Amino acid sequence: MARPKQAETMSAISVRLPKSMIAEVDECAERLEEETPLFSISRTDAIRCLLQIGLAEFEKRGLRKK
């Protein structure tokens, strides 16, 4: 079975994070997985989710132009 087409292509990036921040991301992933029991949430999924929330908040505060 083929994967559905994405609306937007993705690019890979590499980021160095302190171990404490990685632990917080992992906690977020665990919490998201508990809230959505039928889905497996990876660290990458959690980082995407946190970035979306952060960017939305940034825009909400008027710090980001559309």
Protein backbone atom coordinates (compact mmCIF):
# COMPACT_ATOMS: atom_id res chain seq x y z
CA MET A 1 0.00 0.00 0.00
CA ALA A 2 1.46 3.36 -1.01
CA ARG A 3 1.69 6.28 1.36
CA PRO A 4 -0.74 9.14 0.79
CA LYS A 5 0.78 12.20 -0.85
CA GLN A 6 1.84 14.97 1.49
CA ALA A 7 0.48 18.47 0.90
CA GLU A 8 3.98 19.77 1.44
CA THR A 9 7.37 18.10 1.09
CA MET A 10 9.55 17.80 4.19
CA SER A 11 13.22 18.53 4.67
CA ALA A 12 15.46 16.96 7.28
CA ILE A 13 17.36 19.13 9.74
CA SER A 14 19.81 18.28 12.47
CA VAL A 15 19.65 20.01 15.84
CA ARG A 16 21.80 19.67 18.94
CA LEU A 17 19.82 19.85 22.17
CA PRO A 18 20.80 19.55 25.82
CA LYS A 19 19.93 16.20 27.40
CA SER A 20 17.50 17.95 29.75
CA MET A 21 15.54 19.37 26.80
CA ILE A 22 15.48 15.97 25.09
CA ALA A 23 14.06 14.50 28.30
CA GLU A 24 11.31 17.15 28.26
CA VAL A 25 10.51 16.35 24.62
CA ASP A 26 10.32 12.65 25.50
CA GLU A 27 7.93 13.47 28.36
CA CYS A 28 5.75 15.41 25.91
CA ALA A 29 5.79 12.44 23.52
CA GLU A 30 4.70 10.10 26.32
CA ARG A 31 1.91 12.47 27.35
CA LEU A 32 0.69 12.83 23.76
CA GLU A 33 0.72 9.07 23.39
CA GLU A 34 -1.36 8.70 26.57
CA GLU A 35 -3.88 11.23 25.21
CA THR A 36 -4.11 9.43 21.87
CA PRO A 37 -3.94 5.72 22.79
CA LEU A 38 -4.36 4.41 19.24
CA PHE A 39 -1.33 6.34 17.95
CA SER A 40 2.35 5.84 18.53
CA ILE A 41 4.04 9.22 19.07
CA SER A 42 7.75 9.40 18.34
CA ARG A 43 10.23 12.00 19.53
CA THR A 44 10.12 13.48 16.02
CA ASP A 45 6.32 13.74 16.16
CA ALA A 46 6.56 15.47 19.54
CA ILE A 47 9.14 17.95 18.24
CA ARG A 48 6.92 18.77 15.24
CA CYS A 49 3.94 19.29 17.54
CA LEU A 50 5.93 21.51 19.92
CA LEU A 51 7.26 23.57 17.01
CA GLN A 52 3.74 24.07 15.65
CA ILE A 53 2.52 25.21 19.07
CA GLY A 54 5.52 27.51 19.49
CA LEU A 55 5.11 29.06 16.04
CA ALA A 56 1.39 29.59 16.61
CA GLU A 57 2.12 31.33 19.92
CA PHE A 58 4.84 33.41 18.28
CA GLU A 59 2.37 34.50 15.58
CA LYS A 60 -0.36 35.12 18.17
CA ARG A 61 1.94 37.56 19.96
CA GLY A 62 2.51 39.41 16.70
CA LEU A 63 6.17 38.46 16.49
CA ARG A 64 5.89 36.54 13.21
CA LYS A 65 4.63 37.89 9.93
CA LYS A 66 2.45 35.65 7.75
